[in-house]
Protein backbone atom coordinates (compact mmCIF):
# COMPACT_ATOMS: atom_id res chain seq x y z
CA MET A 1 9.65 -15.28 -14.83
CA ILE A 2 9.82 -11.50 -15.01
CA ASN A 3 9.85 -9.93 -18.47
CA ALA A 4 13.26 -8.99 -19.91
CA GLN A 5 12.06 -5.46 -20.72
CA VAL A 6 10.91 -5.06 -17.12
CA THR A 7 14.33 -6.20 -15.90
CA THR A 8 16.01 -3.54 -18.07
CA LEU A 9 13.62 -0.92 -16.70
CA LEU A 10 14.28 -1.94 -13.09
CA GLU A 11 18.03 -1.86 -13.66
CA ARG A 12 17.78 1.63 -15.11
CA LEU A 13 15.69 2.83 -12.19
CA ALA A 14 18.17 1.32 -9.74
CA ARG A 15 20.80 3.67 -11.16
CA SER A 16 18.54 6.72 -10.77
CA THR A 17 19.56 9.44 -8.34
CA PHE A 18 15.92 10.37 -7.62
CA PRO A 19 14.58 9.41 -4.20
CA PRO A 20 11.47 7.20 -3.93
CA TYR A 21 8.11 8.93 -3.75
CA HIS A 22 7.59 8.10 -0.10
CA GLU A 23 10.63 10.21 0.83
CA LEU A 24 9.26 13.32 -0.89
CA PRO A 25 6.60 15.89 -0.01
CA PRO A 26 3.50 15.25 -2.12
CA ALA A 27 3.97 18.38 -4.26
CA VAL A 28 7.50 17.30 -5.19
CA ALA A 29 6.44 13.69 -5.75
CA ARG A 30 3.76 14.92 -8.16
CA ARG A 31 6.25 16.92 -10.19
CA LEU A 32 8.69 14.02 -10.35
CA TYR A 33 5.97 11.61 -11.45
CA ARG A 34 4.68 13.98 -14.12
CA GLU A 35 8.08 14.84 -15.56
CA THR A 36 9.30 11.24 -15.76
CA ARG A 37 6.29 10.06 -17.77
CA ALA A 38 7.97 11.09 -21.05
CA HIS A 39 10.74 8.54 -20.44
CA VAL A 40 8.31 5.60 -20.40
CA GLN A 41 5.50 6.75 -22.69
CA THR A 42 5.37 7.32 -26.41
CA PRO A 43 4.21 10.72 -27.72
CA PRO A 44 0.45 11.17 -27.24
CA PRO A 45 -1.63 9.65 -30.04
CA VAL A 46 -3.64 12.08 -32.14
CA VAL A 47 -7.37 12.04 -31.37
CA GLN A 48 -10.21 13.85 -33.12
CA SER A 49 -10.64 16.40 -30.35
CA THR A 50 -10.24 17.18 -26.67
CA ALA A 51 -12.26 19.58 -24.56
CA LEU A 52 -12.36 20.65 -20.92
CA LYS A 53 -15.69 20.29 -19.13
CA LEU A 54 -16.66 21.01 -15.53
CA ALA A 55 -18.92 18.68 -13.57
CA PRO A 56 -20.67 20.08 -10.49
CA GLY A 57 -19.19 18.52 -7.37
CA LEU A 58 -19.84 18.70 -3.63
CA ALA A 59 -16.82 20.96 -3.09
CA GLY A 60 -16.87 22.82 -6.39
CA PRO A 61 -16.43 22.01 -10.08
CA VAL A 62 -14.69 18.77 -11.04
CA PRO A 63 -12.63 19.18 -14.26
CA LEU A 64 -12.96 16.57 -17.00
CA ARG A 65 -10.90 16.23 -20.15
CA VAL A 66 -13.13 14.81 -22.86
CA TYR A 67 -11.47 12.89 -25.69
CA ARG A 68 -13.22 11.98 -28.95
CA PRO A 69 -11.58 9.39 -31.19
CA LEU A 70 -10.19 9.76 -34.69
CA GLY A 71 -12.88 9.34 -37.30
CA SER A 72 -15.71 10.53 -35.06
CA LYS A 73 -17.98 13.40 -35.99
CA PRO A 74 -19.32 16.18 -33.73
CA GLU A 75 -22.86 14.92 -34.26
CA ASP A 76 -22.02 11.31 -33.26
CA PHE A 77 -23.37 10.07 -29.95
CA LEU A 78 -20.46 7.91 -28.84
CA PRO A 79 -20.15 5.31 -26.11
CA ALA A 80 -18.12 6.70 -23.23
CA LEU A 81 -15.57 5.63 -20.66
CA VAL A 82 -15.44 7.71 -17.46
CA PHE A 83 -11.79 7.27 -16.45
CA PHE A 84 -10.03 7.87 -13.12
CA HIS A 85 -6.24 8.19 -13.20
CA GLY A 86 -3.89 6.36 -10.86
CA GLY A 87 -1.18 7.71 -8.61
CA GLY A 88 -2.04 6.61 -5.10
CA TRP A 89 -4.78 9.26 -4.73
CA THR A 90 -1.78 11.61 -4.40
CA ILE A 91 0.41 12.16 -7.47
CA GLY A 92 -1.47 11.49 -10.73
CA ASP A 93 -3.36 13.97 -12.91
CA LEU A 94 -4.91 14.40 -16.34
CA ASP A 95 -1.54 14.77 -18.05
CA THR A 96 0.14 11.71 -16.52
CA HIS A 97 -2.56 9.52 -18.07
CA ASP A 98 -3.13 11.46 -21.27
CA VAL A 99 -1.41 8.87 -23.49
CA LEU A 100 -3.46 6.00 -22.06
CA CYS A 101 -6.74 7.89 -22.40
CA ARG A 102 -5.99 8.84 -26.01
CA ALA A 103 -5.09 5.25 -26.86
CA LEU A 104 -8.26 3.86 -25.26
CA SER A 105 -10.40 6.47 -27.02
CA ASN A 106 -9.01 5.59 -30.45
CA GLU A 107 -8.79 1.82 -29.96
CA ALA A 108 -12.29 1.46 -28.46
CA HIS A 109 -13.72 4.25 -30.64
CA CYS A 110 -15.36 5.87 -27.65
CA ALA A 111 -15.33 9.17 -25.84
CA VAL A 112 -13.15 9.16 -22.74
CA LEU A 113 -13.98 11.49 -19.86
CA SER A 114 -10.81 11.72 -17.77
CA VAL A 115 -11.59 13.02 -14.29
CA GLU A 116 -9.39 15.45 -12.34
CA TYR A 117 -10.57 14.41 -8.89
CA ARG A 118 -9.15 16.02 -5.77
CA VAL A 119 -6.00 14.40 -4.42
CA ALA A 120 -4.55 13.80 -0.97
CA PRO A 121 -3.30 14.85 1.48
CA GLU A 122 -4.86 18.23 0.71
CA ALA A 123 -8.18 16.48 0.11
CA SER A 124 -8.29 13.14 1.88
CA PHE A 125 -10.95 10.42 1.77
CA PRO A 126 -13.75 10.57 0.73
CA ALA A 127 -13.04 13.62 -1.47
CA ALA A 128 -11.86 11.53 -4.44
CA VAL A 129 -14.90 9.26 -4.13
CA ASP A 130 -17.26 12.23 -4.08
CA ASP A 131 -15.64 13.75 -7.17
CA ALA A 132 -15.58 10.42 -9.02
CA PHE A 133 -19.27 9.81 -8.49
CA ALA A 134 -20.13 13.44 -9.31
CA ALA A 135 -18.32 13.02 -12.63
CA LEU A 136 -20.21 9.82 -13.40
CA GLN A 137 -23.56 11.42 -12.60
CA PHE A 138 -22.63 14.36 -14.82
CA ALA A 139 -21.87 11.99 -17.70
CA PHE A 140 -25.40 10.63 -17.53
CA LYS A 141 -27.18 13.93 -16.90
CA SER A 142 -25.26 15.81 -19.59
CA ALA A 143 -24.96 13.01 -22.14
CA ALA A 144 -26.66 15.00 -24.91
CA SER A 145 -24.40 18.05 -24.57
CA LEU A 146 -21.32 15.82 -24.24
CA GLY A 147 -22.24 13.91 -27.40
CA ILE A 148 -22.33 10.54 -25.67
CA ASP A 149 -24.85 7.73 -25.52
CA ALA A 150 -26.17 7.34 -21.97
CA ALA A 151 -27.03 3.70 -22.70
CA ARG A 152 -23.34 2.93 -23.33
CA VAL A 153 -21.29 4.29 -20.43
CA ALA A 154 -18.44 2.48 -18.67
CA VAL A 155 -16.18 3.38 -15.77
CA GLY A 156 -12.50 2.60 -15.53
CA GLY A 157 -9.20 3.49 -13.98
CA ASP A 158 -5.79 2.24 -13.00
CA SER A 159 -4.47 1.52 -9.50
CA ALA A 160 -6.04 4.18 -7.26
CA GLY A 161 -8.27 5.04 -10.21
CA GLY A 162 -9.30 1.40 -10.46
CA ASN A 163 -10.30 1.63 -6.82
CA LEU A 164 -12.44 4.68 -7.57
CA ALA A 165 -14.00 3.01 -10.62
CA ALA A 166 -15.00 -0.04 -8.56
CA VAL A 167 -16.50 2.20 -5.87
CA ALA A 168 -18.32 4.33 -8.47
CA ALA A 169 -19.85 1.17 -9.96
CA ILE A 170 -21.25 0.21 -6.56
CA LEU A 171 -22.55 3.73 -5.94
CA ALA A 172 -24.15 3.74 -9.40
CA ARG A 173 -26.00 0.52 -8.58
CA ASP A 174 -27.18 1.86 -5.24
CA ALA A 175 -28.33 5.16 -6.76
CA ASN A 176 -30.26 3.38 -9.53
CA LEU A 177 -28.32 5.12 -12.27
CA PRO A 178 -28.66 3.64 -15.76
CA PRO A 179 -26.77 0.33 -16.01
CA LEU A 180 -23.07 0.66 -16.68
CA ALA A 181 -21.72 -1.29 -19.64
CA LEU A 182 -18.45 -2.25 -17.90
CA GLN A 183 -16.05 -1.49 -15.11
CA LEU A 184 -12.50 -1.56 -16.48
CA LEU A 185 -10.19 -2.07 -13.49
CA LEU A 186 -6.46 -1.92 -14.23
CA TYR A 187 -4.44 -3.41 -11.34
CA PRO A 188 -6.92 -1.91 -8.87
CA ALA A 189 -6.41 -1.30 -5.15
CA THR A 190 -9.38 -3.01 -3.51
CA ASP A 191 -8.35 -3.62 0.12
CA GLN A 192 -6.68 -0.96 2.26
CA ARG A 193 -5.82 -3.42 5.00
CA MET A 194 -2.71 -4.40 2.98
CA CYS A 195 -3.09 -8.02 4.07
CA HIS A 196 -2.72 -9.97 0.82
CA ALA A 197 0.26 -12.22 0.19
CA SER A 198 1.40 -10.43 -2.98
CA ILE A 199 2.16 -7.30 -0.95
CA ASP A 200 4.95 -9.16 0.85
CA ARG A 201 5.90 -11.21 -2.21
CA ASN A 202 6.23 -8.18 -4.51
CA GLY A 203 6.58 -5.33 -2.02
CA GLU A 204 10.22 -4.54 -2.73
CA GLY A 205 12.17 -4.30 -5.96
CA TYR A 206 9.28 -4.14 -8.48
CA LEU A 207 8.54 -0.41 -8.82
CA LEU A 208 5.63 -0.09 -6.39
CA THR A 209 6.88 -0.86 -2.89
CA LYS A 210 5.19 -1.53 0.40
CA GLN A 211 6.67 1.68 1.82
CA THR A 212 5.25 3.75 -1.03
CA MET A 213 1.86 2.08 -0.62
CA ARG A 214 1.84 3.04 3.05
CA TYR A 215 2.78 6.61 2.09
CA PHE A 216 -0.11 6.85 -0.34
CA ARG A 217 -2.50 5.28 2.15
CA SER A 218 -1.46 7.66 4.94
CA ASN A 219 -2.14 10.62 2.63
CA TYR A 220 -5.52 9.35 1.46
CA LEU A 221 -6.68 7.67 4.68
CA PRO A 222 -5.14 9.51 7.64
CA ASP A 223 -7.81 7.98 9.90
CA LYS A 224 -7.03 4.26 10.23
CA SER A 225 -10.65 3.47 10.99
CA THR A 226 -11.48 4.22 7.35
CA TYR A 227 -9.32 1.36 6.04
CA THR A 228 -12.35 -0.93 6.23
CA ASP A 229 -14.88 1.56 4.85
CA TRP A 230 -16.03 -0.11 1.64
CA ARG A 231 -15.68 3.19 -0.23
CA ALA A 232 -11.95 2.87 0.45
CA SER A 233 -11.85 -0.94 0.22
CA PRO A 234 -14.49 -2.10 -2.27
CA LEU A 235 -13.51 -5.73 -1.64
CA LEU A 236 -15.20 -5.26 1.76
CA ALA A 237 -18.50 -3.94 0.36
CA PRO A 238 -21.52 -5.67 1.94
CA ALA A 239 -22.73 -6.90 -1.47
CA LEU A 240 -21.48 -6.74 -5.04
CA ALA A 241 -24.41 -8.41 -6.79
CA GLY A 242 -25.93 -6.17 -9.43
CA VAL A 243 -22.86 -4.07 -10.20
CA ALA A 244 -21.54 -3.71 -13.74
CA PRO A 245 -19.62 -6.55 -15.37
CA ALA A 246 -15.88 -6.22 -14.97
CA HIS A 247 -12.71 -6.55 -17.00
CA ILE A 248 -9.81 -6.67 -14.53
CA VAL A 249 -6.11 -6.51 -15.39
CA ILE A 250 -3.52 -7.69 -12.88
CA ALA A 251 0.28 -8.04 -13.04
CA GLY A 252 2.21 -10.96 -11.60
CA TYR A 253 4.94 -8.83 -9.98
CA ASP A 254 2.56 -6.24 -8.54
CA PRO A 255 1.92 -5.92 -4.79
CA LEU A 256 -1.77 -5.43 -5.70
CA CYS A 257 -1.96 -8.63 -7.75
CA ASP A 258 -3.80 -10.75 -5.18
CA GLU A 259 -6.40 -8.18 -4.19
CA GLY A 260 -7.27 -7.55 -7.83
CA ALA A 261 -7.74 -11.30 -8.32
CA ALA A 262 -9.74 -11.51 -5.08
CA TYR A 263 -12.09 -8.79 -6.33
CA ALA A 264 -12.68 -10.66 -9.58
CA GLU A 265 -13.37 -13.87 -7.65
CA ARG A 266 -15.87 -12.16 -5.36
CA LEU A 267 -17.69 -10.58 -8.28
CA GLU A 268 -18.05 -14.00 -9.88
CA ARG A 269 -19.31 -15.53 -6.63
CA GLU A 270 -22.03 -12.90 -6.44
CA GLY A 271 -23.18 -13.41 -10.02
CA VAL A 272 -21.33 -10.57 -11.73
CA ALA A 273 -19.64 -11.44 -15.03
CA SER A 274 -15.94 -10.82 -14.54
CA ARG A 275 -12.89 -11.46 -16.68
CA CYS A 276 -9.52 -11.28 -14.93
CA VAL A 277 -6.48 -11.09 -17.22
CA GLU A 278 -3.07 -11.63 -15.60
CA TYR A 279 0.13 -10.43 -17.24
CA ASP A 280 2.26 -12.67 -15.10
CA ASP A 281 5.63 -11.18 -16.10
CA MET A 282 4.63 -7.52 -15.62
CA VAL A 283 4.81 -4.95 -12.80
CA HIS A 284 2.37 -2.41 -11.41
CA GLY A 285 1.62 0.47 -13.76
CA PHE A 286 2.89 -1.26 -16.89
CA MET A 287 0.06 -0.02 -19.11
CA THR A 288 1.36 3.56 -18.88
CA MET A 289 4.86 2.50 -19.97
CA ASN A 290 4.39 1.67 -23.65
CA ARG A 291 7.67 3.28 -24.68
CA VAL A 292 9.66 0.62 -22.83
CA LEU A 293 7.22 -2.29 -22.37
CA ASP A 294 5.63 -3.95 -25.40
CA ALA A 295 2.96 -5.55 -23.20
CA ALA A 296 1.45 -2.12 -22.54
CA ASP A 297 0.05 -1.70 -26.05
CA LEU A 298 -1.12 -5.32 -26.12
CA ALA A 299 -3.03 -4.77 -22.89
CA VAL A 300 -4.55 -1.52 -24.15
CA ARG A 301 -5.82 -3.27 -27.28
CA ASP A 302 -7.32 -6.09 -25.20
CA CYS A 303 -9.03 -3.58 -22.90
CA ALA A 304 -10.33 -1.66 -25.89
CA LEU A 305 -11.80 -4.89 -27.28
CA ALA A 306 -13.48 -5.53 -23.92
CA LEU A 307 -14.96 -2.02 -24.04
CA ARG A 308 -16.20 -2.40 -27.61
CA ASN A 309 -17.82 -5.72 -26.80
CA ALA A 310 -19.44 -4.29 -23.66
CA PHE A 311 -20.76 -1.27 -25.56
CA GLU A 312 -22.22 -3.55 -28.23
CA ARG A 313 -23.95 -5.69 -25.58
CA ALA A 314 -25.35 -2.54 -23.96
CA ALA A 315 -26.60 -1.28 -27.31
CA SER A 316 -28.29 -4.61 -28.02
CA THR A 317 -29.94 -4.60 -24.61
CA ASP A 318 -31.12 -1.04 -25.15
CA ARG A 319 -32.61 -1.95 -28.53
CA VAL A 320 -34.49 -4.88 -26.98
CA THR A 321 -35.76 -2.69 -24.14
CA LEU A 322 -36.93 -0.02 -26.60
CA ALA A 323 -38.67 -2.61 -28.77
CA ARG A 324 -40.49 -4.04 -25.74
CA ALA A 325 -41.52 -0.56 -24.61
CA ARG A 326 -42.94 0.23 -28.04
CA GLN A 327 -44.73 -3.12 -28.12
CA HIS A 328 -46.25 -2.35 -24.70
CA GLU A 329 -47.36 1.09 -25.91
CA ARG A 330 -49.06 -0.43 -28.96
CA ALA A 331 -50.80 -3.04 -26.79
CA GLY A 332 -52.02 -0.33 -24.43
CA SER A 333 -53.48 1.75 -27.23
CA ALA A 334 -55.24 -1.22 -28.87
């Protein structure tokens, strides 16, 4: 059964005079999305610091907002989450996901690098993928100057950002980057064919609609032949073995529910540790609505715990690897 707070939210939205996103030009949809965030989000949590950094990208610099959590010191080398915001590859930005990034930084006690990737239709596929991977590479190459620990880096994102995080994890494996600690996928889009049952089951009346999904897809993927490109649909990747372990959040009344679950199932089949947590009475995007949905903060805390545990496992693995390397050096010099 749908959550009572969600019902109240849906009733309020039904009385709104604003048109749905798919009836608006992208620039107007972006402004509407940004300006309505304050109605569903609490004021931004205080963090220790934020800073703007620029990662070199294929088409120019990719802006990153770097958060450091309360209680951290400038000299600390923190674990890091490279985060990609949602918004259908069209309407989100650094500010729409500022509250979530601050909360994750404080709760997981990690740096968060929030990525301002190029959005569609001005920059269609694969521009966002290119920027996402450029940002991840920058995190590793510039770890020292960013004050992060390259042995404890995760990727994450919500919705379209979850899609980009999943793709970045595959690209990281294929490029032999240092192992990622975790991929944190919040109600991710994993299959652009829009063929899963939850799209029809939840495609009208629960915030994200089938029409809006088609609008976002047409902006991001104007060429229909790219729907099955695994960089757009990571569920269709040739192989997932060897990618980072995953923590996946899905919502029972979300059109993307089934494809998120399908991605978790495929990861498990191919030997990748994956935890899929379903909030069966929630809707798409609920984690950025903590002012009106209590489940949002609960989910953030659970995700932060998953990050902390993953960072600890990565640190333990790194200590074992270092000890073995030193042992090998001693044996070689004997």
